[in-house]
């Protein structure tokens, strides 16, 4: 029973990561513009189990217009300036470049491995 449960957990996480791969890849392909972003507000969030995280508001300018990324979460004390990657056709579609911690291909590889392990464990556990 434990092996089947472990297999199902691996399967669920693996499929989730496989779904994230195309989403993350398409975001990176769309967001080709870059601008300097400046932190306008920092909120410290303290949690007993997860420690302190920060919620930032980051303002940036694209094509002469100002935009604001609100409530960007980050586990480290914030800097004052970041690089913003944005979609030139829709500048409000953006993310903080430094906060992208993994290449989307990592989601694909780990997702495929976990999915295969999950299927194998479910089959073995039956």
PDB file of N, CA and C in Angstrom:
ATOM      1  N   UNK A   1       0.814  -1.201   0.000  1.00  0.00           N
ATOM      2  CA  UNK A   1       0.000   0.000   0.000  1.00  0.00           C
ATOM      3  C   UNK A   1       0.865   1.276   0.000  1.00  0.00           C
ATOM      4  N   UNK A   2       1.956   1.225   0.800  1.00  0.00           N
ATOM      5  CA  UNK A   2       2.849   2.381   0.867  1.00  0.00           C
ATOM      6  C   UNK A   2       3.488   2.657  -0.501  1.00  0.00           C
ATOM      7  N   UNK A   3       3.873   1.594  -1.202  1.00  0.00           N
ATOM      8  CA  UNK A   3       4.519   1.755  -2.511  1.00  0.00           C
ATOM      9  C   UNK A   3       3.558   2.389  -3.510  1.00  0.00           C
ATOM     10  N   UNK A   4       2.295   1.985  -3.459  1.00  0.00           N
ATOM     11  CA  UNK A   4       1.306   2.579  -4.372  1.00  0.00           C
ATOM     12  C   UNK A   4       1.110   4.059  -4.043  1.00  0.00           C
ATOM     13  N   UNK A   5       1.021   4.385  -2.750  1.00  0.00           N
ATOM     14  CA  UNK A   5       0.849   5.787  -2.342  1.00  0.00           C
ATOM     15  C   UNK A   5       2.045   6.633  -2.773  1.00  0.00           C
ATOM     16  N   UNK A   6       3.245   6.089  -2.580  1.00  0.00           N
ATOM     17  CA  UNK A   6       4.446   6.800  -3.013  1.00  0.00           C
ATOM     18  C   UNK A   6       4.451   6.972  -4.532  1.00  0.00           C
ATOM     19  N   UNK A   7       4.042   5.927  -5.249  1.00  0.00           N
ATOM     20  CA  UNK A   7       3.958   6.004  -6.702  1.00  0.00           C
ATOM     21  C   UNK A   7       2.973   7.059  -7.168  1.00  0.00           C
ATOM     22  N   UNK A   8       1.824   7.123  -6.511  1.00  0.00           N
ATOM     23  CA  UNK A   8       0.824   8.135  -6.879  1.00  0.00           C
ATOM     24  C   UNK A   8       1.331   9.540  -6.593  1.00  0.00           C
ATOM     25  N   UNK A   9       2.046   9.715  -5.481  1.00  0.00           N
ATOM     26  CA  UNK A   9       2.612  11.029  -5.157  1.00  0.00           C
ATOM     27  C   UNK A   9       3.629  11.444  -6.227  1.00  0.00           C
ATOM     28  N   UNK A  10       4.503  10.520  -6.606  1.00  0.00           N
ATOM     29  CA  UNK A  10       5.491  10.817  -7.669  1.00  0.00           C
ATOM     30  C   UNK A  10       4.793  11.141  -8.983  1.00  0.00           C
ATOM     31  N   UNK A  11       3.763  10.394  -9.274  1.00  0.00           N
ATOM     32  CA  UNK A  11       3.010  10.586 -10.513  1.00  0.00           C
ATOM     33  C   UNK A  11       2.352  11.969 -10.546  1.00  0.00           C
ATOM     34  N   UNK A  12       1.725  12.361  -9.465  1.00  0.00           N
ATOM     35  CA  UNK A  12       1.052  13.665  -9.402  1.00  0.00           C
ATOM     36  C   UNK A  12       2.065  14.801  -9.532  1.00  0.00           C
ATOM     37  N   UNK A  13       3.163  14.712  -8.792  1.00  0.00           N
ATOM     38  CA  UNK A  13       4.183  15.767  -8.864  1.00  0.00           C
ATOM     39  C   UNK A  13       4.823  15.790 -10.250  1.00  0.00           C
ATOM     40  N   UNK A  14       5.102  14.619 -10.815  1.00  0.00           N
ATOM     41  CA  UNK A  14       5.698  14.547 -12.151  1.00  0.00           C
ATOM     42  C   UNK A  14       4.818  15.171 -13.214  1.00  0.00           C
ATOM     43  N   UNK A  15       3.530  14.846 -13.199  1.00  0.00           N
ATOM     44  CA  UNK A  15       2.600  15.419 -14.182  1.00  0.00           C
ATOM     45  C   UNK A  15       2.488  16.928 -13.995  1.00  0.00           C
ATOM     46  N   UNK A  16       2.456  17.386 -12.748  1.00  0.00           N
ATOM     47  CA  UNK A  16       2.406  18.823 -12.472  1.00  0.00           C
ATOM     48  C   UNK A  16       3.620  19.530 -13.091  1.00  0.00           C
ATOM     49  N   UNK A  17       4.810  18.956 -12.899  1.00  0.00           N
ATOM     50  CA  UNK A  17       6.015  19.563 -13.472  1.00  0.00           C
ATOM     51  C   UNK A  17       5.996  19.518 -15.001  1.00  0.00           C
ATOM     52  N   UNK A  18       5.456  18.454 -15.569  1.00  0.00           N
ATOM     53  CA  UNK A  18       5.343  18.378 -17.030  1.00  0.00           C
ATOM     54  C   UNK A  18       4.390  19.452 -17.562  1.00  0.00           C
ATOM     55  N   UNK A  19       3.356  19.765 -16.804  1.00  0.00           N
ATOM     56  CA  UNK A  19       2.428  20.825 -17.205  1.00  0.00           C
ATOM     57  C   UNK A  19       3.103  22.195 -17.087  1.00  0.00           C
ATOM     58  N   UNK A  20       3.962  22.374 -16.065  1.00  0.00           N
ATOM     59  CA  UNK A  20       4.658  23.652 -15.885  1.00  0.00           C
ATOM     60  C   UNK A  20       5.639  23.957 -17.014  1.00  0.00           C
ATOM     61  N   UNK A  21       6.230  22.921 -17.613  1.00  0.00           N
ATOM     62  CA  UNK A  21       7.255  23.139 -18.635  1.00  0.00           C
ATOM     63  C   UNK A  21       6.777  24.040 -19.776  1.00  0.00           C
ATOM     64  N   UNK A  22       5.663  23.721 -20.465  1.00  0.00           N
ATOM     65  CA  UNK A  22       5.270  24.601 -21.574  1.00  0.00           C
ATOM     66  C   UNK A  22       4.845  25.998 -21.112  1.00  0.00           C
ATOM     67  N   UNK A  23       4.286  26.083 -19.918  1.00  0.00           N
ATOM     68  CA  UNK A  23       3.876  27.395 -19.394  1.00  0.00           C
ATOM     69  C   UNK A  23       5.107  28.272 -19.184  1.00  0.00           C
ATOM     70  N   UNK A  24       6.119  27.728 -18.495  1.00  0.00           N
ATOM     71  CA  UNK A  24       7.343  28.489 -18.238  1.00  0.00           C
ATOM     72  C   UNK A  24       8.080  28.828 -19.539  1.00  0.00           C
ATOM     73  N   UNK A  25       8.136  27.872 -20.463  1.00  0.00           N
ATOM     74  CA  UNK A  25       8.826  28.100 -21.736  1.00  0.00           C
ATOM     75  C   UNK A  25       8.164  29.216 -22.534  1.00  0.00           C
ATOM     76  N   UNK A  26       6.840  29.199 -22.597  1.00  0.00           N
ATOM     77  CA  UNK A  26       6.153  30.235 -23.381  1.00  0.00           C
ATOM     78  C   UNK A  26       6.319  31.607 -22.746  1.00  0.00           C
ATOM     79  N   UNK A  27       6.363  31.668 -21.406  1.00  0.00           N
ATOM     80  CA  UNK A  27       6.592  32.953 -20.751  1.00  0.00           C
ATOM     81  C   UNK A  27       7.964  33.510 -21.123  1.00  0.00           C
ATOM     82  N   UNK A  28       8.981  32.661 -21.099  1.00  0.00           N
ATOM     83  CA  UNK A  28      10.324  33.125 -21.437  1.00  0.00           C
ATOM     84  C   UNK A  28      10.423  33.564 -22.891  1.00  0.00           C
ATOM     85  N   UNK A  29       9.723  32.886 -23.789  1.00  0.00           N
ATOM     86  CA  UNK A  29       9.752  33.261 -25.203  1.00  0.00           C
ATOM     87  C   UNK A  29       9.049  34.602 -25.440  1.00  0.00           C
ATOM     88  N   UNK A  30       7.955  34.846 -24.712  1.00  0.00           N
ATOM     89  CA  UNK A  30       7.205  36.098 -24.876  1.00  0.00           C
ATOM     90  C   UNK A  30       7.918  37.283 -24.252  1.00  0.00           C
ATOM     91  N   UNK A  31       8.538  37.068 -23.122  1.00  0.00           N
ATOM     92  CA  UNK A  31       9.098  38.173 -22.336  1.00  0.00           C
ATOM     93  C   UNK A  31      10.540  38.460 -22.753  1.00  0.00           C
ATOM     94  N   UNK A  32      10.681  39.102 -23.898  1.00  0.00           N
ATOM     95  CA  UNK A  32      12.014  39.368 -24.454  1.00  0.00           C
ATOM     96  C   UNK A  32      12.520  40.773 -24.147  1.00  0.00           C
ATOM     97  N   UNK A  33      11.643  41.671 -23.751  1.00  0.00           N
ATOM     98  CA  UNK A  33      12.060  43.023 -23.409  1.00  0.00           C
ATOM     99  C   UNK A  33      12.656  43.047 -22.018  1.00  0.00           C
ATOM    100  N   UNK A  34      13.560  44.003 -21.773  1.00  0.00           N
ATOM    101  CA  UNK A  34      14.153  44.148 -20.454  1.00  0.00           C
ATOM    102  C   UNK A  34      14.134  45.605 -20.039  1.00  0.00           C
ATOM    103  N   UNK A  35      13.923  45.816 -18.744  1.00  0.00           N
ATOM    104  CA  UNK A  35      13.923  47.157 -18.183  1.00  0.00           C
ATOM    105  C   UNK A  35      14.456  47.072 -16.755  1.00  0.00           C
ATOM    106  N   UNK A  36      14.893  48.200 -16.224  1.00  0.00           N
ATOM    107  CA  UNK A  36      15.303  48.253 -14.821  1.00  0.00           C
ATOM    108  C   UNK A  36      14.066  48.433 -13.966  1.00  0.00           C
ATOM    109  N   UNK A  37      13.993  47.653 -12.900  1.00  0.00           N
ATOM    110  CA  UNK A  37      12.874  47.762 -11.983  1.00  0.00           C
ATOM    111  C   UNK A  37      13.366  48.196 -10.614  1.00  0.00           C
ATOM    112  N   UNK A  38      12.583  49.022  -9.947  1.00  0.00           N
ATOM    113  CA  UNK A  38      12.968  49.547  -8.637  1.00  0.00           C
ATOM    114  C   UNK A  38      11.913  49.171  -7.608  1.00  0.00           C
ATOM    115  N   UNK A  39      12.377  48.684  -6.468  1.00  0.00           N
ATOM    116  CA  UNK A  39      11.469  48.281  -5.391  1.00  0.00           C
ATOM    117  C   UNK A  39      10.823  49.525  -4.805  1.00  0.00           C
ATOM    118  N   UNK A  40       9.491  49.532  -4.769  1.00  0.00           N
ATOM    119  CA  UNK A  40       8.765  50.677  -4.204  1.00  0.00           C
ATOM    120  C   UNK A  40       8.184  50.356  -2.832  1.00  0.00           C
ATOM    121  N   UNK A  41       8.001  49.073  -2.548  1.00  0.00           N
ATOM    122  CA  UNK A  41       7.459  48.688  -1.239  1.00  0.00           C
ATOM    123  C   UNK A  41       7.921  47.275  -0.899  1.00  0.00           C
ATOM    124  N   UNK A  42       8.244  47.069   0.374  1.00  0.00           N
ATOM    125  CA  UNK A  42       8.653  45.758   0.871  1.00  0.00           C
ATOM    126  C   UNK A  42       7.795  45.410   2.080  1.00  0.00           C
ATOM    127  N   UNK A  43       7.222  44.218   2.047  1.00  0.00           N
ATOM    128  CA  UNK A  43       6.470  43.712   3.192  1.00  0.00           C
ATOM    129  C   UNK A  43       7.149  42.436   3.665  1.00  0.00           C
ATOM    130  N   UNK A  44       7.443  42.383   4.944  1.00  0.00           N
ATOM    131  CA  UNK A  44       8.074  41.199   5.521  1.00  0.00           C
ATOM    132  C   UNK A  44       6.978  40.260   6.008  1.00  0.00           C
ATOM    133  N   UNK A  45       7.072  39.012   5.601  1.00  0.00           N
ATOM    134  CA  UNK A  45       6.069  38.016   5.992  1.00  0.00           C
ATOM    135  C   UNK A  45       6.789  36.972   6.842  1.00  0.00           C
ATOM    136  N   UNK A  46       6.394  36.864   8.105  1.00  0.00           N
ATOM    137  CA  UNK A  46       7.033  35.900   9.003  1.00  0.00           C
ATOM    138  C   UNK A  46       6.093  34.733   9.237  1.00  0.00           C
ATOM    139  N   UNK A  47       6.641  33.538   9.038  1.00  0.00           N
ATOM    140  CA  UNK A  47       5.881  32.318   9.288  1.00  0.00           C
ATOM    141  C   UNK A  47       6.731  31.401  10.145  1.00  0.00           C
ATOM    142  N   UNK A  48       6.118  30.752  11.099  1.00  0.00           N
ATOM    143  CA  UNK A  48       6.875  29.887  12.005  1.00  0.00           C
ATOM    144  C   UNK A  48       7.600  28.770  11.280  1.00  0.00           C
ATOM    145  N   UNK A  49       6.910  28.079  10.414  1.00  0.00           N
ATOM    146  CA  UNK A  49       7.505  26.911   9.758  1.00  0.00           C
ATOM    147  C   UNK A  49       8.402  27.269   8.578  1.00  0.00           C
ATOM    148  N   UNK A  50       8.089  28.346   7.884  1.00  0.00           N
ATOM    149  CA  UNK A  50       8.803  28.661   6.648  1.00  0.00           C
ATOM    150  C   UNK A  50       9.748  29.851   6.780  1.00  0.00           C
ATOM    151  N   UNK A  51       9.845  30.423   7.937  1.00  0.00           N
ATOM    152  CA  UNK A  51      10.748  31.553   8.133  1.00  0.00           C
ATOM    153  C   UNK A  51      10.210  32.835   7.518  1.00  0.00           C
ATOM    154  N   UNK A  52      11.106  33.757   7.252  1.00  0.00           N
ATOM    155  CA  UNK A  52      10.725  35.067   6.724  1.00  0.00           C
ATOM    156  C   UNK A  52      10.820  35.075   5.203  1.00  0.00           C
ATOM    157  N   UNK A  53       9.769  35.569   4.561  1.00  0.00           N
ATOM    158  CA  UNK A  53       9.803  35.841   3.132  1.00  0.00           C
ATOM    159  C   UNK A  53       9.435  37.308   2.942  1.00  0.00           C
ATOM    160  N   UNK A  54       9.608  37.787   1.738  1.00  0.00           N
ATOM    161  CA  UNK A  54       9.345  39.190   1.449  1.00  0.00           C
ATOM    162  C   UNK A  54       8.377  39.301   0.281  1.00  0.00           C
ATOM    163  N   UNK A  55       7.500  40.265   0.379  1.00  0.00           N
ATOM    164  CA  UNK A  55       6.572  40.576  -0.694  1.00  0.00           C
ATOM    165  C   UNK A  55       6.936  41.971  -1.194  1.00  0.00           C
ATOM    166  N   UNK A  56       7.294  42.054  -2.472  1.00  0.00           N
ATOM    167  CA  UNK A  56       7.797  43.313  -3.034  1.00  0.00           C
ATOM    168  C   UNK A  56       6.849  43.879  -4.076  1.00  0.00           C
ATOM    169  N   UNK A  57       6.802  45.182  -4.149  1.00  0.00           N
ATOM    170  CA  UNK A  57       6.211  45.866  -5.288  1.00  0.00           C
ATOM    171  C   UNK A  57       7.388  46.443  -6.072  1.00  0.00           C
ATOM    172  N   UNK A  58       7.436  46.160  -7.372  1.00  0.00           N
ATOM    173  CA  UNK A  58       8.562  46.592  -8.204  1.00  0.00           C
ATOM    174  C   UNK A  58       8.003  47.394  -9.376  1.00  0.00           C
ATOM    175  N   UNK A  59       8.503  48.615  -9.533  1.00  0.00           N
ATOM    176  CA  UNK A  59       8.047  49.505 -10.604  1.00  0.00           C
ATOM    177  C   UNK A  59       9.081  49.511 -11.735  1.00  0.00           C
ATOM    178  N   UNK A  60       8.586  49.504 -12.971  1.00  0.00           N
ATOM    179  CA  UNK A  60       9.470  49.551 -14.137  1.00  0.00           C
ATOM    180  C   UNK A  60       8.807  50.358 -15.238  1.00  0.00           C
ATOM    181  N   UNK A  61       9.628  50.804 -16.192  1.00  0.00           N
ATOM    182  CA  UNK A  61       9.135  51.588 -17.318  1.00  0.00           C
ATOM    183  C   UNK A  61       9.413  50.828 -18.609  1.00  0.00           C
ATOM    184  N   UNK A  62       8.367  50.707 -19.453  1.00  0.00           N
ATOM    185  CA  UNK A  62       8.490  50.061 -20.759  1.00  0.00           C
ATOM    186  C   UNK A  62       7.755  50.927 -21.777  1.00  0.00           C
ATOM    187  N   UNK A  63       8.420  51.267 -22.840  1.00  0.00           N
ATOM    188  CA  UNK A  63       7.847  52.116 -23.890  1.00  0.00           C
ATOM    189  C   UNK A  63       7.283  53.421 -23.335  1.00  0.00           C
ATOM    190  N   UNK A  64       7.990  54.005 -22.378  1.00  0.00           N
ATOM    191  CA  UNK A  64       7.590  55.290 -21.815  1.00  0.00           C
ATOM    192  C   UNK A  64       6.448  55.235 -20.810  1.00  0.00           C
ATOM    193  N   UNK A  65       5.918  54.057 -20.535  1.00  0.00           N
ATOM    194  CA  UNK A  65       4.816  53.895 -19.566  1.00  0.00           C
ATOM    195  C   UNK A  65       5.346  53.194 -18.315  1.00  0.00           C
ATOM    196  N   UNK A  66       4.805  53.594 -17.164  1.00  0.00           N
ATOM    197  CA  UNK A  66       5.208  52.943 -15.919  1.00  0.00           C
ATOM    198  C   UNK A  66       4.264  51.795 -15.598  1.00  0.00           C
ATOM    199  N   UNK A  67       4.846  50.706 -15.100  1.00  0.00           N
ATOM    200  CA  UNK A  67       4.091  49.515 -14.707  1.00  0.00           C
ATOM    201  C   UNK A  67       4.535  49.097 -13.314  1.00  0.00           C
ATOM    202  N   UNK A  68       3.703  48.313 -12.649  1.00  0.00           N
ATOM    203  CA  UNK A  68       4.001  47.879 -11.292  1.00  0.00           C
ATOM    204  C   UNK A  68       3.727  46.388 -11.154  1.00  0.00           C
ATOM    205  N   UNK A  69       4.745  45.643 -10.736  1.00  0.00           N
ATOM    206  CA  UNK A  69       4.556  44.247 -10.360  1.00  0.00           C
ATOM    207  C   UNK A  69       4.255  44.247  -8.865  1.00  0.00           C
ATOM    208  N   UNK A  70       3.100  43.730  -8.486  1.00  0.00           N
ATOM    209  CA  UNK A  70       2.694  43.758  -7.080  1.00  0.00           C
ATOM    210  C   UNK A  70       2.873  42.403  -6.424  1.00  0.00           C
ATOM    211  N   UNK A  71       3.246  42.453  -5.169  1.00  0.00           N
ATOM    212  CA  UNK A  71       3.321  41.276  -4.299  1.00  0.00           C
ATOM    213  C   UNK A  71       4.175  40.154  -4.876  1.00  0.00           C
ATOM    214  N   UNK A  72       5.355  40.517  -5.355  1.00  0.00           N
ATOM    215  CA  UNK A  72       6.309  39.530  -5.851  1.00  0.00           C
ATOM    216  C   UNK A  72       6.965  38.889  -4.632  1.00  0.00           C
ATOM    217  N   UNK A  73       6.873  37.574  -4.512  1.00  0.00           N
ATOM    218  CA  UNK A  73       7.413  36.865  -3.349  1.00  0.00           C
ATOM    219  C   UNK A  73       8.874  36.484  -3.571  1.00  0.00           C
ATOM    220  N   UNK A  74       9.682  36.621  -2.500  1.00  0.00           N
ATOM    221  CA  UNK A  74      11.090  36.275  -2.566  1.00  0.00           C
ATOM    222  C   UNK A  74      11.579  35.914  -1.171  1.00  0.00           C
ATOM    223  N   UNK A  75      12.360  34.824  -1.034  1.00  0.00           N
ATOM    224  CA  UNK A  75      12.769  34.378   0.302  1.00  0.00           C
ATOM    225  C   UNK A  75      13.991  35.100   0.883  1.00  0.00           C
ATOM    226  N   UNK A  76      14.647  35.954   0.100  1.00  0.00           N
ATOM    227  CA  UNK A  76      15.859  36.632   0.569  1.00  0.00           C
ATOM    228  C   UNK A  76      15.596  38.119   0.767  1.00  0.00           C
ATOM    229  N   UNK A  77      16.370  38.773   1.636  1.00  0.00           N
ATOM    230  CA  UNK A  77      16.211  40.224   1.773  1.00  0.00           C
ATOM    231  C   UNK A  77      16.377  40.898   0.406  1.00  0.00           C
ATOM    232  N   UNK A  78      15.492  41.822   0.070  1.00  0.00           N
ATOM    233  CA  UNK A  78      15.488  42.393  -1.285  1.00  0.00           C
ATOM    234  C   UNK A  78      16.577  43.423  -1.533  1.00  0.00           C
ATOM    235  N   UNK A  79      16.957  43.512  -2.797  1.00  0.00           N
ATOM    236  CA  UNK A  79      17.815  44.585  -3.291  1.00  0.00           C
ATOM    237  C   UNK A  79      16.894  45.766  -3.616  1.00  0.00           C
ATOM    238  N   UNK A  80      17.450  46.855  -4.107  1.00  0.00           N
ATOM    239  CA  UNK A  80      16.625  47.990  -4.506  1.00  0.00           C
ATOM    240  C   UNK A  80      16.350  48.020  -6.005  1.00  0.00           C
ATOM    241  N   UNK A  81      17.199  47.338  -6.795  1.00  0.00           N
ATOM    242  CA  UNK A  81      17.058  47.391  -8.248  1.00  0.00           C
ATOM    243  C   UNK A  81      17.132  45.975  -8.809  1.00  0.00           C
ATOM    244  N   UNK A  82      16.249  45.672  -9.775  1.00  0.00           N
ATOM    245  CA  UNK A  82      16.213  44.369 -10.436  1.00  0.00           C
ATOM    246  C   UNK A  82      16.013  44.556 -11.931  1.00  0.00           C
ATOM    247  N   UNK A  83      16.288  43.517 -12.692  1.00  0.00           N
ATOM    248  CA  UNK A  83      16.006  43.518 -14.121  1.00  0.00           C
ATOM    249  C   UNK A  83      14.631  42.897 -14.323  1.00  0.00           C
ATOM    250  N   UNK A  84      13.783  43.560 -15.082  1.00  0.00           N
ATOM    251  CA  UNK A  84      12.442  43.074 -15.377  1.00  0.00           C
ATOM    252  C   UNK A  84      12.414  42.563 -16.811  1.00  0.00           C
ATOM    253  N   UNK A  85      11.942  41.351 -16.999  1.00  0.00           N
ATOM    254  CA  UNK A  85      11.724  40.804 -18.342  1.00  0.00           C
ATOM    255  C   UNK A  85      10.235  40.952 -18.630  1.00  0.00           C
ATOM    256  N   UNK A  86       9.905  41.557 -19.783  1.00  0.00           N
ATOM    257  CA  UNK A  86       8.494  41.788 -20.095  1.00  0.00           C
ATOM    258  C   UNK A  86       8.198  41.475 -21.554  1.00  0.00           C
ATOM    259  N   UNK A  87       6.933  41.310 -21.841  1.00  0.00           N
ATOM    260  CA  UNK A  87       6.439  41.044 -23.186  1.00  0.00           C
ATOM    261  C   UNK A  87       6.296  42.392 -23.901  1.00  0.00           C
ATOM    262  N   UNK A  88       7.067  42.666 -24.963  1.00  0.00           N
ATOM    263  CA  UNK A  88       6.974  43.955 -25.645  1.00  0.00           C
ATOM    264  C   UNK A  88       5.569  44.253 -26.184  1.00  0.00           C
ATOM    265  N   UNK A  89       4.811  43.231 -26.551  1.00  0.00           N
ATOM    266  CA  UNK A  89       3.458  43.450 -27.061  1.00  0.00           C
ATOM    267  C   UNK A  89       2.463  43.731 -25.930  1.00  0.00           C
ATOM    268  N   UNK A  90       2.798  43.329 -24.729  1.00  0.00           N
ATOM    269  CA  UNK A  90       1.916  43.503 -23.570  1.00  0.00           C
ATOM    270  C   UNK A  90       2.817  43.703 -22.338  1.00  0.00           C
ATOM    271  N   UNK A  91       3.351  44.915 -22.131  1.00  0.00           N
ATOM    272  CA  UNK A  91       4.375  45.149 -21.108  1.00  0.00           C
ATOM    273  C   UNK A  91       3.966  44.800 -19.672  1.00  0.00           C
ATOM    274  N   UNK A  92       2.681  44.702 -19.397  1.00  0.00           N
ATOM    275  CA  UNK A  92       2.273  44.319 -18.035  1.00  0.00           C
ATOM    276  C   UNK A  92       2.488  42.822 -17.772  1.00  0.00           C
ATOM    277  N   UNK A  93       2.764  42.052 -18.838  1.00  0.00           N
ATOM    278  CA  UNK A  93       3.092  40.626 -18.726  1.00  0.00           C
ATOM    279  C   UNK A  93       4.595  40.549 -18.457  1.00  0.00           C
ATOM    280  N   UNK A  94       4.983  40.434 -17.164  1.00  0.00           N
ATOM    281  CA  UNK A  94       6.391  40.570 -16.805  1.00  0.00           C
ATOM    282  C   UNK A  94       6.741  39.732 -15.575  1.00  0.00           C
ATOM    283  N   UNK A  95       8.045  39.573 -15.369  1.00  0.00           N
ATOM    284  CA  UNK A  95       8.552  38.948 -14.152  1.00  0.00           C
ATOM    285  C   UNK A  95       9.917  39.548 -13.816  1.00  0.00           C
ATOM    286  N   UNK A  96      10.339  39.371 -12.568  1.00  0.00           N
ATOM    287  CA  UNK A  96      11.666  39.808 -12.144  1.00  0.00           C
ATOM    288  C   UNK A  96      12.660  38.747 -12.608  1.00  0.00           C
ATOM    289  N   UNK A  97      13.571  39.140 -13.472  1.00  0.00           N
ATOM    290  CA  UNK A  97      14.496  38.184 -14.105  1.00  0.00           C
ATOM    291  C   UNK A  97      15.337  37.435 -13.069  1.00  0.00           C
ATOM    292  N   UNK A  98      15.802  38.118 -12.049  1.00  0.00           N
ATOM    293  CA  UNK A  98      16.650  37.481 -11.041  1.00  0.00           C
ATOM    294  C   UNK A  98      15.905  36.432 -10.226  1.00  0.00           C
ATOM    295  N   UNK A  99      14.584  36.484 -10.225  1.00  0.00           N
ATOM    296  CA  UNK A  99      13.797  35.548  -9.422  1.00  0.00           C
ATOM    297  C   UNK A  99      13.491  34.263 -10.176  1.00  0.00           C
ATOM    298  N   UNK A 100      13.840  34.183 -11.442  1.00  0.00           N
ATOM    299  CA  UNK A 100      13.686  32.936 -12.202  1.00  0.00           C
ATOM    300  C   UNK A 100      14.826  32.032 -11.786  1.00  0.00           C
ATOM    301  N   UNK A 101      14.518  31.019 -11.019  1.00  0.00           N
ATOM    302  CA  UNK A 101      15.587  30.205 -10.435  1.00  0.00           C
ATOM    303  C   UNK A 101      15.923  28.960 -11.238  1.00  0.00           C
ATOM    304  N   UNK A 102      15.057  28.546 -12.151  1.00  0.00           N
ATOM    305  CA  UNK A 102      15.313  27.297 -12.872  1.00  0.00           C
ATOM    306  C   UNK A 102      15.005  27.452 -14.351  1.00  0.00           C
ATOM    307  N   UNK A 103      15.781  26.776 -15.146  1.00  0.00           N
ATOM    308  CA  UNK A 103      15.515  26.668 -16.570  1.00  0.00           C
ATOM    309  C   UNK A 103      14.284  25.784 -16.738  1.00  0.00           C
ATOM    310  N   UNK A 104      13.326  26.139 -17.594  1.00  0.00           N
ATOM    311  CA  UNK A 104      12.126  25.311 -17.758  1.00  0.00           C
ATOM    312  C   UNK A 104      12.415  23.857 -18.136  1.00  0.00           C
ATOM    313  N   UNK A 105      13.572  23.606 -18.766  1.00  0.00           N
ATOM    314  CA  UNK A 105      13.913  22.226 -19.122  1.00  0.00           C
ATOM    315  C   UNK A 105      14.088  21.352 -17.882  1.00  0.00           C
ATOM    316  N   UNK A 106      14.426  21.968 -16.761  1.00  0.00           N
ATOM    317  CA  UNK A 106      14.539  21.223 -15.505  1.00  0.00           C
ATOM    318  C   UNK A 106      13.176  20.630 -15.140  1.00  0.00           C
ATOM    319  N   UNK A 107      12.102  21.407 -15.339  1.00  0.00           N
ATOM    320  CA  UNK A 107      10.748  20.896 -15.060  1.00  0.00           C
ATOM    321  C   UNK A 107      10.439  19.693 -15.942  1.00  0.00           C
ATOM    322  N   UNK A 108      10.856  19.777 -17.201  1.00  0.00           N
ATOM    323  CA  UNK A 108      10.600  18.682 -18.138  1.00  0.00           C
ATOM    324  C   UNK A 108      11.330  17.408 -17.716  1.00  0.00           C
ATOM    325  N   UNK A 109      12.604  17.521 -17.421  1.00  0.00           N
ATOM    326  CA  UNK A 109      13.408  16.349 -17.069  1.00  0.00           C
ATOM    327  C   UNK A 109      12.941  15.731 -15.749  1.00  0.00           C
ATOM    328  N   UNK A 110      12.825  16.552 -14.715  1.00  0.00           N
ATOM    329  CA  UNK A 110      12.403  16.025 -13.409  1.00  0.00           C
ATOM    330  C   UNK A 110      10.979  15.503 -13.481  1.00  0.00           C
ATOM    331  N   UNK A 111      10.112  16.200 -14.201  1.00  0.00           N
ATOM    332  CA  UNK A 111       8.728  15.740 -14.352  1.00  0.00           C
ATOM    333  C   UNK A 111       8.645  14.396 -15.039  1.00  0.00           C
ATOM    334  N   UNK A 112       9.441  14.208 -16.098  1.00  0.00           N
ATOM    335  CA  UNK A 112       9.439  12.923 -16.810  1.00  0.00           C
ATOM    336  C   UNK A 112       9.965  11.799 -15.922  1.00  0.00           C
ATOM    337  N   UNK A 113      11.037  12.068 -15.200  1.00  0.00           N
ATOM    338  CA  UNK A 113      11.600  11.050 -14.306  1.00  0.00           C
ATOM    339  C   UNK A 113      10.599  10.670 -13.214  1.00  0.00           C
ATOM    340  N   UNK A 114      10.003  11.668 -12.558  1.00  0.00           N
ATOM    341  CA  UNK A 114       9.039  11.369 -11.497  1.00  0.00           C
ATOM    342  C   UNK A 114       7.806  10.643 -12.030  1.00  0.00           C
ATOM    343  N   UNK A 115       7.363  11.001 -13.216  1.00  0.00           N
ATOM    344  CA  UNK A 115       6.210  10.321 -13.807  1.00  0.00           C
ATOM    345  C   UNK A 115       6.538   8.855 -14.067  1.00  0.00           C
ATOM    346  N   UNK A 116       7.697   8.588 -14.631  1.00  0.00           N
ATOM    347  CA  UNK A 116       8.100   7.200 -14.893  1.00  0.00           C
ATOM    348  C   UNK A 116       8.272   6.410 -13.592  1.00  0.00           C
ATOM    349  N   UNK A 117       8.909   7.017 -12.605  1.00  0.00           N
ATOM    350  CA  UNK A 117       9.071   6.346 -11.308  1.00  0.00           C
ATOM    351  C   UNK A 117       7.711   6.089 -10.679  1.00  0.00           C
ATOM    352  N   UNK A 118       6.812   7.070 -10.775  1.00  0.00           N
ATOM    353  CA  UNK A 118       5.476   6.911 -10.212  1.00  0.00           C
ATOM    354  C   UNK A 118       4.709   5.752 -10.864  1.00  0.00           C
ATOM    355  N   UNK A 119       4.761   5.671 -12.185  1.00  0.00           N
ATOM    356  CA  UNK A 119       4.097   4.574 -12.885  1.00  0.00           C
ATOM    357  C   UNK A 119       4.706   3.225 -12.474  1.00  0.00           C
ATOM    358  N   UNK A 120       6.030   3.184 -12.410  1.00  0.00           N
ATOM    359  CA  UNK A 120       6.698   1.918 -12.021  1.00  0.00           C
ATOM    360  C   UNK A 120       6.305   1.505 -10.606  1.00  0.00           C
ATOM    361  N   UNK A 121       6.263   2.445  -9.675  1.00  0.00           N
ATOM    362  CA  UNK A 121       5.895   2.103  -8.291  1.00  0.00           C
ATOM    363  C   UNK A 121       4.452   1.635  -8.184  1.00  0.00           C
ATOM    364  N   UNK A 122       3.559   2.272  -8.921  1.00  0.00           N
ATOM    365  CA  UNK A 122       2.160   1.838  -8.890  1.00  0.00           C
ATOM    366  C   UNK A 122       2.036   0.432  -9.450  1.00  0.00           C
ATOM    367  N   UNK A 123       2.733   0.159 -10.535  1.00  0.00           N
ATOM    368  CA  UNK A 123       2.674  -1.183 -11.144  1.00  0.00           C
ATOM    369  C   UNK A 123       3.269  -2.231 -10.193  1.00  0.00           C
ATOM    370  N   UNK A 124       4.415  -1.926  -9.606  1.00  0.00           N
ATOM    371  CA  UNK A 124       5.065  -2.861  -8.670  1.00  0.00           C
ATOM    372  C   UNK A 124       4.192  -3.094  -7.438  1.00  0.00           C
ATOM    373  N   UNK A 125       3.568  -2.038  -6.952  1.00  0.00           N
ATOM    374  CA  UNK A 125       2.772  -2.122  -5.715  1.00  0.00           C
ATOM    375  C   UNK A 125       1.466  -2.860  -5.860  1.00  0.00           C
ATOM    376  N   UNK A 126       1.042  -3.145  -7.071  1.00  0.00           N
ATOM    377  CA  UNK A 126      -0.255  -3.826  -7.271  1.00  0.00           C
ATOM    378  C   UNK A 126      -0.155  -5.236  -6.977  1.00  0.00           C
TER     379      UNK A 126
END
